C-alpha cells in the first residue's frame, strides 16, 4: 500500500512536470511566432523613416519642389491610412500603432520641407544664410509657397490628431496642440543663428512646462507608445539646432542659447528620467556648469556691444554666475549647500582678482560690496565658511580701498598725521570704555558660530 501511494505521488509529480514543460514550450513557440512580425515591423519602420529623412537632402528628378513635397505629404497620408487598415480591417493593433507612430515621426520632416519652401520666398534678413543646394527647397512663387504651407499644415494637423487618438487618447488635444505648435516654428522664415537659438530655448521651456503639467502624470502616456510620442515632442528643437549648426554658420549667441537650453533640460527635465539620486546630482551639476558657460557667451557679446570698461568686465561675468548658482541652490536635489558655497567662491574670486588686475577705487568698492553681501548671507544662513569668507574679503577690499583713498587724497602732511593720531586715540578710548560689552558680544558670537553648519 505504501509503495502504491509513493508511485501515485511520483506519477502526479511527473504529470505536473510534463504540464510545466508543455506550457514552457507553448510560451517559447508563441515568442518565436511573434518574433518574426516584430522584426519585420522594425525593419519596415526603419526603411520608411529613412525614406522620409532622405527627402530632406536629395534633389529628385521630375517635377518641381512643390510637387515633390505633395508626394511626401501623400506618403504621410498613406501611413495613416495603413494604420487604419491594420486596426479596423485586420484587427491588428501593433501594426496600426507602428504606422500611426511613423506618421508622427515624419511630421517634422514635412514641416522642415515646408519651412524651406516658405524661406525661399519670404527670407528674413541675414545674408549669411546661403542654403546648400542639396538641402534647398524652392517654391515657384510667394503665392505657391503660402498655399502649400497652409494646405500642408492643415492636413498635417488632421493626421496628427488622428494618430494621437490612438497613441494618447486621454491627452489627444494637449498632445496635438503641443506637437503642432512646436512644428510650426520650422515655418518661421529665418536662418539667423541668434534668432534660431532664442527660438530653440523658448520651445524647450514651453515643452518642459507641457511635460510637467499635462503628460508626466498621465498613466496612459507611461506606456511604450506614450513615451514614444512624448519623445517626439523634442524633435523640433533638435531639428532647428541641428540645421543651424550643420548647414549654416553659428554665432556666439547661438552657442549661448544652446548651452542655456542644455542647462535647462539637464537641471529640470533629465533628473526626472531616473530615480538614482547620485545621477540626478551629477546631471544638475553639469547643467549648472552649462548655465555658467552660457552666461559667459552672453556676457562677451554684451561687453563688446556696450564697450564696458575693463575694470568692470570680470564682475560683470562672475557676479551673475554667482547669482545663478544661488538661485539653483533652492531647487537642487539633496540640498544646495554646495551651490551656495560655489556662488560665494565665484563672487569673491571674481571681486578680488578684478582688484588685483585693475587696482583702483571702483574695483576695491566692488570687492567690498561683494564680500559684505557674502558675510551677511553667511550670517543669516548660519554657515561658517561663507561668514568667514566674507570677513576675509571685506578686510582685503577695505585694505586696498584705504590704500587707494590715501593715495588719491595725498594725506601725507602733518595735518593728516595729527588727525590720524587723534582718531587712533579716540578708537582706543572707545574700546576701553566698551570692553565689557564687546567681550560679552564676542562670547555670544562665538557660541552662536559653534551652532552653525560649515
Protein backbone atom coordinates (compact mmCIF):
# COMPACT_ATOMS: atom_id res chain seq x y z
CA UNK A 1 0.00 0.00 0.00
CA UNK A 2 2.81 2.38 0.86
CA UNK A 3 4.60 1.66 -2.41
CA UNK A 4 1.39 2.23 -4.34
CA UNK A 5 0.94 5.64 -2.67
CA UNK A 6 4.53 6.59 -3.46
CA UNK A 7 4.09 5.52 -7.09
CA UNK A 8 0.90 7.59 -7.30
CA UNK A 9 2.64 10.66 -5.91
CA UNK A 10 5.54 10.13 -8.29
CA UNK A 11 3.15 9.84 -11.24
CA UNK A 12 1.42 13.06 -10.17
CA UNK A 13 4.76 14.88 -9.96
CA UNK A 14 5.75 13.54 -13.37
CA UNK A 15 2.46 14.70 -14.86
CA UNK A 16 2.91 18.15 -13.31
CA UNK A 17 6.45 18.37 -14.70
CA UNK A 18 5.21 17.38 -18.14
CA UNK A 19 2.49 20.03 -17.93
CA UNK A 20 5.06 22.67 -16.93
CA UNK A 21 7.35 21.69 -19.80
CA UNK A 22 4.40 21.75 -22.17
CA UNK A 23 3.38 25.26 -21.06
CA UNK A 24 7.00 26.44 -21.35
CA UNK A 25 7.25 25.00 -24.85
CA UNK A 26 3.99 26.72 -25.80
CA UNK A 27 5.29 30.01 -24.47
CA UNK A 28 8.55 29.59 -26.40
CA UNK A 29 6.62 28.80 -29.57
CA UNK A 30 4.47 31.91 -29.03
CA UNK A 31 7.57 34.05 -28.54
CA UNK A 32 9.16 32.59 -31.66
CA UNK A 33 5.99 33.16 -33.63
CA UNK A 34 5.78 36.82 -32.54
CA UNK A 35 9.49 37.48 -33.09
CA UNK A 36 9.32 37.49 -36.90
CA UNK A 37 6.43 40.00 -37.13
CA UNK A 38 8.23 42.21 -34.60
CA UNK A 39 11.44 42.14 -36.65
CA UNK A 40 9.54 42.87 -39.84
CA UNK A 41 7.74 45.82 -38.23
CA UNK A 42 11.05 47.25 -37.02
CA UNK A 43 12.65 46.76 -40.43
CA UNK A 44 9.73 48.36 -42.23
CA UNK A 45 9.65 51.29 -39.82
CA UNK A 46 13.38 51.89 -40.30
CA UNK A 47 13.05 51.85 -44.06
CA UNK A 48 10.07 54.21 -44.04
CA UNK A 49 11.74 56.70 -41.70
CA UNK A 50 14.95 56.57 -43.75
CA UNK A 51 12.99 57.31 -46.92
CA UNK A 52 11.31 60.29 -45.29
CA UNK A 53 14.61 61.64 -43.93
CA UNK A 54 16.36 61.33 -47.30
CA UNK A 55 13.68 63.61 -48.69
CA UNK A 56 15.35 66.50 -46.88
CA UNK A 57 18.71 66.14 -48.61
CA UNK A 58 18.16 64.80 -52.12
CA UNK A 59 17.39 66.58 -55.37
CA UNK A 60 14.87 64.30 -57.01
CA UNK A 61 14.27 64.48 -60.73
CA UNK A 62 10.88 65.18 -62.30
CA UNK A 63 8.56 67.99 -61.30
CA UNK A 64 9.27 70.99 -59.09
CA UNK A 65 9.82 71.16 -55.32
CA UNK A 66 6.15 71.78 -54.58
CA UNK A 67 5.14 68.63 -56.45
CA UNK A 68 7.82 66.66 -54.66
CA UNK A 69 6.56 67.92 -51.30
CA UNK A 70 2.99 66.93 -52.17
CA UNK A 71 4.36 63.44 -52.82
CA UNK A 72 5.84 63.43 -49.31
CA UNK A 73 2.52 64.61 -47.86
CA UNK A 74 0.68 61.88 -49.76
CA UNK A 75 3.17 59.35 -48.43
CA UNK A 76 2.44 60.56 -44.87
CA UNK A 77 -1.30 60.21 -45.52
CA UNK A 78 -0.76 56.66 -46.76
CA UNK A 79 0.92 55.82 -43.45
CA UNK A 80 -2.17 57.00 -41.59
CA UNK A 81 -4.47 55.09 -43.96
CA UNK A 82 -2.33 51.98 -43.49
CA UNK A 83 -2.66 52.33 -39.73
CA UNK A 84 -6.43 52.49 -40.03
CA UNK A 85 -6.45 49.48 -42.33
CA UNK A 86 -4.42 47.39 -39.87
CA UNK A 87 -6.55 48.47 -36.94
CA UNK A 88 -10.04 48.31 -38.42
CA UNK A 89 -9.82 45.63 -41.11
CA UNK A 90 -7.06 43.34 -39.86
CA UNK A 91 -7.82 43.95 -36.17
CA UNK A 92 -4.07 44.11 -35.55
CA UNK A 93 -3.21 46.91 -33.13
CA UNK A 94 0.60 46.61 -33.19
CA UNK A 95 0.90 47.28 -36.90
CA UNK A 96 -1.64 50.10 -36.62
CA UNK A 97 0.30 51.77 -33.82
CA UNK A 98 3.55 51.36 -35.74
CA UNK A 99 2.20 53.10 -38.84
CA UNK A 100 0.49 55.88 -36.88
CA UNK A 101 3.66 56.38 -34.87
CA UNK A 102 5.58 56.72 -38.13
CA UNK A 103 3.06 59.35 -39.24
CA UNK A 104 4.03 61.40 -36.21
CA UNK A 105 7.73 60.68 -36.73
CA UNK A 106 7.77 62.02 -40.31
CA UNK A 107 5.63 65.07 -39.47
CA UNK A 108 8.69 67.20 -38.51
CA UNK A 109 10.24 66.23 -41.86
CA UNK A 110 7.11 67.58 -43.60
CA UNK A 111 7.32 70.84 -41.68
CA UNK A 112 11.05 71.16 -42.38
CA UNK A 113 10.39 70.92 -46.12
CA UNK A 114 7.51 73.39 -45.82
CA UNK A 115 9.86 75.71 -43.96
CA UNK A 116 12.32 75.53 -46.84
CA UNK A 117 9.61 76.42 -49.35
CA UNK A 118 8.43 79.38 -47.27
CA UNK A 119 12.00 80.59 -46.67
CA UNK A 120 12.73 80.54 -50.40
CA UNK A 121 10.18 83.34 -50.91
CA UNK A 122 9.99 85.13 -47.54
CA UNK A 123 13.52 85.02 -46.14
CA UNK A 124 14.00 87.44 -43.23
CA UNK A 125 17.33 89.29 -43.36
CA UNK A 126 20.79 87.88 -42.74
CA UNK A 127 22.67 87.36 -45.96
CA UNK A 128 24.84 84.71 -44.31
CA UNK A 129 22.15 82.06 -44.75
CA UNK A 130 23.16 80.58 -48.10
CA UNK A 131 21.22 77.34 -48.29
CA UNK A 132 23.28 74.41 -49.61
CA UNK A 133 21.96 73.06 -52.89
CA UNK A 134 21.35 69.55 -51.52
CA UNK A 135 19.04 70.99 -48.82
CA UNK A 136 17.40 73.68 -50.92
CA UNK A 137 13.63 73.72 -51.43
CA UNK A 138 12.34 76.48 -53.69
CA UNK A 139 8.73 77.49 -54.30
CA UNK A 140 7.96 78.94 -57.76
CA UNK A 141 6.18 82.00 -56.30
CA UNK A 142 5.16 83.58 -52.98
CA UNK A 143 1.54 82.54 -53.59
CA UNK A 144 2.57 78.93 -54.18
CA UNK A 145 4.70 78.93 -51.02
CA UNK A 146 1.85 80.24 -48.86
CA UNK A 147 -0.73 77.95 -50.45
CA UNK A 148 1.26 74.77 -49.99
CA UNK A 149 2.28 75.82 -46.45
CA UNK A 150 -1.31 76.40 -45.34
CA UNK A 151 -2.62 73.28 -47.08
CA UNK A 152 0.20 71.13 -45.73
CA UNK A 153 -0.10 72.46 -42.17
CA UNK A 154 -3.88 71.89 -42.07
CA UNK A 155 -3.53 68.39 -43.48
CA UNK A 156 -0.76 67.50 -41.05
CA UNK A 157 -2.77 68.84 -38.11
CA UNK A 158 -5.56 66.41 -39.02
CA UNK A 159 -3.17 63.50 -39.44
CA UNK A 160 -1.51 64.25 -36.10
CA UNK A 161 -4.87 64.40 -34.33
CA UNK A 162 -5.89 61.05 -35.80
CA UNK A 163 -2.58 59.49 -34.78
CA UNK A 164 -2.76 60.85 -31.23
CA UNK A 165 -6.26 59.42 -30.88
CA UNK A 166 -4.61 56.01 -30.94
CA UNK A 167 -1.29 56.82 -29.26
CA UNK A 168 -2.57 59.01 -26.41
CA UNK A 169 -6.35 59.30 -26.40
CA UNK A 170 -6.79 60.92 -22.97
CA UNK A 171 -4.44 63.80 -23.80
CA UNK A 172 -5.14 63.96 -27.53
CA UNK A 173 -5.88 67.70 -27.59
CA UNK A 174 -2.85 68.65 -25.50
CA UNK A 175 -0.55 66.36 -27.46
CA UNK A 176 -1.80 67.63 -30.82
CA UNK A 177 -1.58 71.30 -29.83
CA UNK A 178 1.88 70.96 -28.31
CA UNK A 179 3.28 68.92 -31.19
CA UNK A 180 1.66 71.01 -33.93
CA UNK A 181 2.63 74.40 -32.49
CA UNK A 182 6.24 73.36 -31.92
CA UNK A 183 6.46 72.13 -35.52
CA UNK A 184 5.06 75.43 -36.77
CA UNK A 185 8.32 77.00 -35.60
CA UNK A 186 10.00 75.29 -38.55
CA UNK A 187 7.96 77.53 -40.87
CA UNK A 188 9.47 80.77 -39.49
CA UNK A 189 11.49 82.09 -42.47
CA UNK A 190 14.74 82.95 -40.74
CA UNK A 191 18.10 81.22 -40.53
CA UNK A 192 19.83 83.80 -38.34
CA UNK A 193 21.63 81.79 -35.63
CA UNK A 194 20.78 84.28 -32.87
CA UNK A 195 17.05 84.13 -33.62
CA UNK A 196 17.12 80.36 -34.03
CA UNK A 197 18.95 79.94 -30.72
CA UNK A 198 16.37 82.02 -28.87
CA UNK A 199 13.60 80.07 -30.61
CA UNK A 200 15.10 76.74 -29.56
CA UNK A 201 15.35 77.85 -25.92
CA UNK A 202 11.75 79.14 -25.94
CA UNK A 203 10.40 75.91 -27.44
CA UNK A 204 12.27 73.76 -24.93
CA UNK A 205 10.97 75.80 -22.00
CA UNK A 206 7.41 75.53 -23.35
CA UNK A 207 7.76 71.77 -23.93
CA UNK A 208 9.08 71.28 -20.42
CA UNK A 209 6.09 73.11 -18.95
CA UNK A 210 3.72 70.96 -21.03
CA UNK A 211 5.51 67.81 -19.96
CA UNK A 212 5.26 68.72 -16.27
CA UNK A 213 1.67 69.90 -16.43
CA UNK A 214 -0.05 67.54 -18.87
CA UNK A 215 1.99 64.47 -19.74
CA UNK A 216 4.18 63.38 -16.85
CA UNK A 217 1.40 62.23 -14.51
CA UNK A 218 -0.82 60.72 -17.22
CA UNK A 219 -0.80 56.95 -16.72
CA UNK A 220 -1.64 56.13 -20.35
CA UNK A 221 1.44 58.07 -21.50
CA UNK A 222 3.80 55.94 -19.40
CA UNK A 223 3.47 53.03 -21.84
CA UNK A 224 5.95 52.42 -24.65
CA UNK A 225 3.76 54.27 -27.15
CA UNK A 226 3.20 57.11 -24.68
CA UNK A 227 6.92 57.57 -24.08
CA UNK A 228 7.49 57.46 -27.83
CA UNK A 229 5.07 60.30 -28.58
CA UNK A 230 6.42 62.32 -25.66
CA UNK A 231 9.90 61.86 -27.06
CA UNK A 232 8.76 63.06 -30.49
CA UNK A 233 7.88 66.42 -28.97
CA UNK A 234 11.59 67.22 -28.72
CA UNK A 235 12.39 66.56 -32.38
CA UNK A 236 11.60 70.13 -33.50
CA UNK A 237 14.19 71.94 -31.32
CA UNK A 238 16.73 69.29 -32.30
CA UNK A 239 15.98 69.92 -35.99
CA UNK A 240 16.26 73.68 -35.55
CA UNK A 241 19.55 73.50 -33.66
CA UNK A 242 20.99 70.79 -35.92
CA UNK A 243 20.01 72.62 -39.10
CA UNK A 244 21.72 75.82 -37.97
CA UNK A 245 24.79 74.08 -36.61
CA UNK A 246 25.28 71.85 -39.66
CA UNK A 247 24.08 73.92 -42.62
CA UNK A 248 24.82 77.48 -41.55
CA UNK A 249 27.41 79.48 -39.62
CA UNK A 250 26.63 79.59 -35.91
CA UNK A 251 27.32 82.54 -33.63
CA UNK A 252 28.38 83.13 -30.05
CA UNK A 253 24.83 83.98 -29.07
CA UNK A 254 23.58 80.78 -30.72
CA UNK A 255 26.15 78.82 -28.69
CA UNK A 256 24.98 80.59 -25.54
CA UNK A 257 21.35 79.76 -26.24
CA UNK A 258 22.19 76.11 -26.92
CA UNK A 259 24.15 75.90 -23.66
CA UNK A 260 21.29 77.56 -21.79
CA UNK A 261 18.89 75.04 -23.33
CA UNK A 262 21.12 72.17 -22.23
CA UNK A 263 21.31 73.68 -18.73
CA UNK A 264 17.53 73.97 -18.53
CA UNK A 265 16.98 70.39 -19.67
CA UNK A 266 19.74 68.95 -17.52
CA UNK A 267 18.66 70.68 -14.32
CA UNK A 268 14.87 70.32 -14.56
CA UNK A 269 13.88 67.66 -17.07
CA UNK A 270 16.61 64.99 -17.27
CA UNK A 271 16.72 64.26 -13.49
CA UNK A 272 13.07 63.18 -13.75
CA UNK A 273 14.10 60.31 -16.03
CA UNK A 274 15.94 58.47 -13.25
CA UNK A 275 15.32 57.72 -9.58
CA UNK A 276 19.00 57.41 -8.68
CA UNK A 277 19.97 60.43 -6.61
CA UNK A 278 23.72 60.40 -7.49
CA UNK A 279 22.91 60.53 -11.21
CA UNK A 280 20.40 63.32 -10.62
CA UNK A 281 23.01 65.34 -8.75
CA UNK A 282 25.61 64.82 -11.48
CA UNK A 283 23.13 65.96 -14.13
CA UNK A 284 22.32 69.10 -12.16
CA UNK A 285 25.98 69.94 -11.53
CA UNK A 286 26.78 69.53 -15.23
CA UNK A 287 23.77 71.69 -16.06
CA UNK A 288 24.95 74.40 -13.68
CA UNK A 289 28.30 74.41 -15.49
CA UNK A 290 26.49 74.67 -18.84
CA UNK A 291 24.45 77.57 -17.49
CA UNK A 292 27.61 79.37 -16.35
CA UNK A 293 29.20 78.79 -19.77
CA UNK A 294 26.10 80.17 -21.50
CA UNK A 295 26.31 83.38 -19.48
CA UNK A 296 29.99 83.75 -20.41
CA UNK A 297 28.95 83.71 -24.07
CA UNK A 298 26.18 86.25 -23.46
CA UNK A 299 28.44 88.47 -21.35
CA UNK A 300 31.14 88.52 -24.02
CA UNK A 301 28.63 89.70 -26.63
CA UNK A 302 27.21 92.35 -24.28
CA UNK A 303 30.64 93.62 -23.27
CA UNK A 304 31.71 94.01 -26.89
CA UNK A 305 28.43 95.72 -27.74
CA UNK A 306 28.36 98.35 -24.95
CA UNK A 307 32.16 98.77 -24.67
CA UNK A 308 32.22 98.47 -20.86
CA UNK A 309 35.40 99.43 -19.03
CA UNK A 310 37.86 96.61 -18.45
CA UNK A 311 37.69 97.09 -14.67
CA UNK A 312 34.01 96.08 -14.76
CA UNK A 313 34.34 93.11 -17.09
CA UNK A 314 35.24 90.42 -14.56
CA UNK A 315 32.49 91.33 -12.04
CA UNK A 316 30.03 91.53 -14.94
CA UNK A 317 30.84 87.89 -15.70
CA UNK A 318 31.28 86.40 -12.23
CA UNK A 319 28.53 88.11 -10.21
CA UNK A 320 25.63 86.87 -12.43
CA UNK A 321 27.13 83.37 -12.34
CA UNK A 322 27.18 83.55 -8.54
CA UNK A 323 23.56 84.73 -8.56
CA UNK A 324 22.64 81.86 -10.89
CA UNK A 325 24.24 79.32 -8.54
CA UNK A 326 22.42 80.90 -5.61
CA UNK A 327 19.08 80.54 -7.41
CA UNK A 328 19.83 76.95 -8.42
CA UNK A 329 20.64 76.10 -4.81
CA UNK A 330 16.94 76.49 -3.97
CA UNK A 331 15.97 73.74 -6.42
CA UNK A 332 18.98 71.43 -6.18
CA UNK A 333 18.33 67.78 -5.33
CA UNK A 334 19.80 66.83 -1.98
CA UNK A 335 20.20 70.43 -0.79
CA UNK A 336 22.01 73.40 -2.24
CA UNK A 337 24.85 73.96 0.23
CA UNK A 338 27.49 73.20 -2.39
CA UNK A 339 25.89 75.62 -4.85
CA UNK A 340 25.85 78.42 -2.25
CA UNK A 341 29.49 77.86 -1.38
CA UNK A 342 30.41 77.81 -5.05
CA UNK A 343 28.48 81.05 -5.53
CA UNK A 344 30.44 82.69 -2.71
CA UNK A 345 33.75 81.47 -4.10
CA UNK A 346 32.97 82.60 -7.65
CA UNK A 347 31.81 86.04 -6.49
CA UNK A 348 34.72 86.62 -4.13
CA UNK A 349 37.37 85.28 -6.50
CA UNK A 350 35.96 87.48 -9.24
CA UNK A 351 36.00 90.55 -7.00
CA UNK A 352 39.48 90.04 -5.56
CA UNK A 353 41.02 89.04 -8.91
CA UNK A 354 39.50 92.11 -10.51
CA UNK A 355 41.01 94.23 -7.72
CA UNK A 356 44.45 92.73 -8.26
CA UNK A 357 44.33 93.09 -12.06
CA UNK A 358 42.67 96.53 -12.17
CA UNK A 359 43.62 98.22 -8.87
CA UNK A 360 41.53 101.27 -8.11
CA UNK A 361 38.75 102.71 -6.00
CA UNK A 362 35.93 101.21 -8.07
CA UNK A 363 37.47 97.73 -8.02
CA UNK A 364 38.03 97.86 -4.25
CA UNK A 365 34.47 99.12 -3.77
CA UNK A 366 33.07 96.21 -5.83
CA UNK A 367 35.17 93.75 -3.82
CA UNK A 368 33.93 95.14 -0.51
CA UNK A 369 30.28 95.17 -1.55
CA UNK A 370 30.55 91.58 -2.80
CA UNK A 371 32.34 90.39 0.34
CA UNK A 372 29.87 92.19 2.59
CA UNK A 373 26.97 90.51 0.81
CA UNK A 374 28.59 87.12 1.35
CA UNK A 375 29.23 87.93 5.01
CA UNK A 376 25.62 88.96 5.60
CA UNK A 377 24.27 85.90 3.78
CA UNK A 378 26.58 83.63 5.75
CA UNK A 379 25.33 85.18 8.98
CA UNK A 380 21.66 84.86 8.02
CA UNK A 381 22.09 81.30 6.71
CA UNK A 382 24.30 80.40 9.69
CA UNK A 383 27.15 78.97 7.60
CA UNK A 384 30.60 79.49 8.99
CA UNK A 385 32.51 79.09 5.70
CA UNK A 386 30.51 81.80 3.97
CA UNK A 387 30.65 84.06 7.02
CA UNK A 388 34.44 83.94 7.44
CA UNK A 389 34.99 84.07 3.68
CA UNK A 390 33.01 87.29 3.64
CA UNK A 391 35.06 88.69 6.51
CA UNK A 392 38.32 87.90 4.68
CA UNK A 393 37.01 89.58 1.54
CA UNK A 394 35.91 92.68 3.45
CA UNK A 395 39.32 93.01 5.10
CA UNK A 396 41.10 92.54 1.77
CA UNK A 397 38.88 95.05 -0.05
CA UNK A 398 38.95 97.56 2.81
CA UNK A 399 42.74 97.47 2.97
CA UNK A 400 43.03 98.24 -0.73
CA UNK A 401 40.26 100.83 -0.51
CA UNK A 402 42.07 102.72 2.27
CA UNK A 403 45.32 102.49 0.35
CA UNK A 404 43.84 103.97 -2.81
CA UNK A 405 41.92 106.58 -0.82
CA UNK A 406 45.14 107.73 0.84
CA UNK A 407 46.96 107.87 -2.49
CA UNK A 408 44.06 109.69 -4.09
CA UNK A 409 43.77 112.40 -1.43
CA UNK A 410 47.59 112.60 -0.71
CA UNK A 411 47.12 112.76 3.07
CA UNK A 412 50.83 112.94 3.84
CA UNK A 413 51.19 116.26 5.63
CA UNK A 414 51.30 116.98 9.31
CA UNK A 415 47.55 117.72 9.50
CA UNK A 416 46.65 114.29 8.24
CA UNK A 417 49.06 112.69 10.68
CA UNK A 418 47.52 114.64 13.54
CA UNK A 419 44.01 113.66 12.54
CA UNK A 420 45.05 110.04 12.19
CA UNK A 421 46.67 110.08 15.63
CA UNK A 422 43.62 111.64 17.27
CA UNK A 423 41.39 109.06 15.56
CA UNK A 424 43.53 106.22 16.90
CA UNK A 425 43.39 107.62 20.48
CA UNK A 426 39.61 108.02 20.29
CA UNK A 427 39.26 104.47 18.98
CA UNK A 428 41.37 103.16 21.86
CA UNK A 429 39.18 105.04 24.36
CA UNK A 430 36.03 103.58 22.82
CA UNK A 431 37.45 100.06 23.02
CA UNK A 432 38.45 100.53 26.66
CA UNK A 433 35.08 102.02 27.57
CA UNK A 434 33.08 99.27 25.87
CA UNK A 435 35.46 96.45 26.68
CA UNK A 436 33.00 94.52 28.84
CA UNK A 437 30.14 94.74 26.36
CA UNK A 438 32.40 93.88 23.45
CA UNK A 439 33.70 90.84 25.32
CA UNK A 440 30.16 89.63 26.02
CA UNK A 441 29.17 90.13 22.39
CA UNK A 442 32.28 88.28 21.23
CA UNK A 443 31.47 85.33 23.50
CA UNK A 444 27.86 85.31 22.31
CA UNK A 445 29.02 85.36 18.68
CA UNK A 446 31.45 82.52 19.40
CA UNK A 447 28.72 80.38 20.93
CA UNK A 448 26.46 81.12 18.00
CA UNK A 449 29.15 80.20 15.47
CA UNK A 450 29.61 76.84 17.17
CA UNK A 451 25.97 76.04 16.42
CA UNK A 452 26.29 76.90 12.74
CA UNK A 453 26.96 74.44 9.95
CA UNK A 454 30.00 74.58 7.71
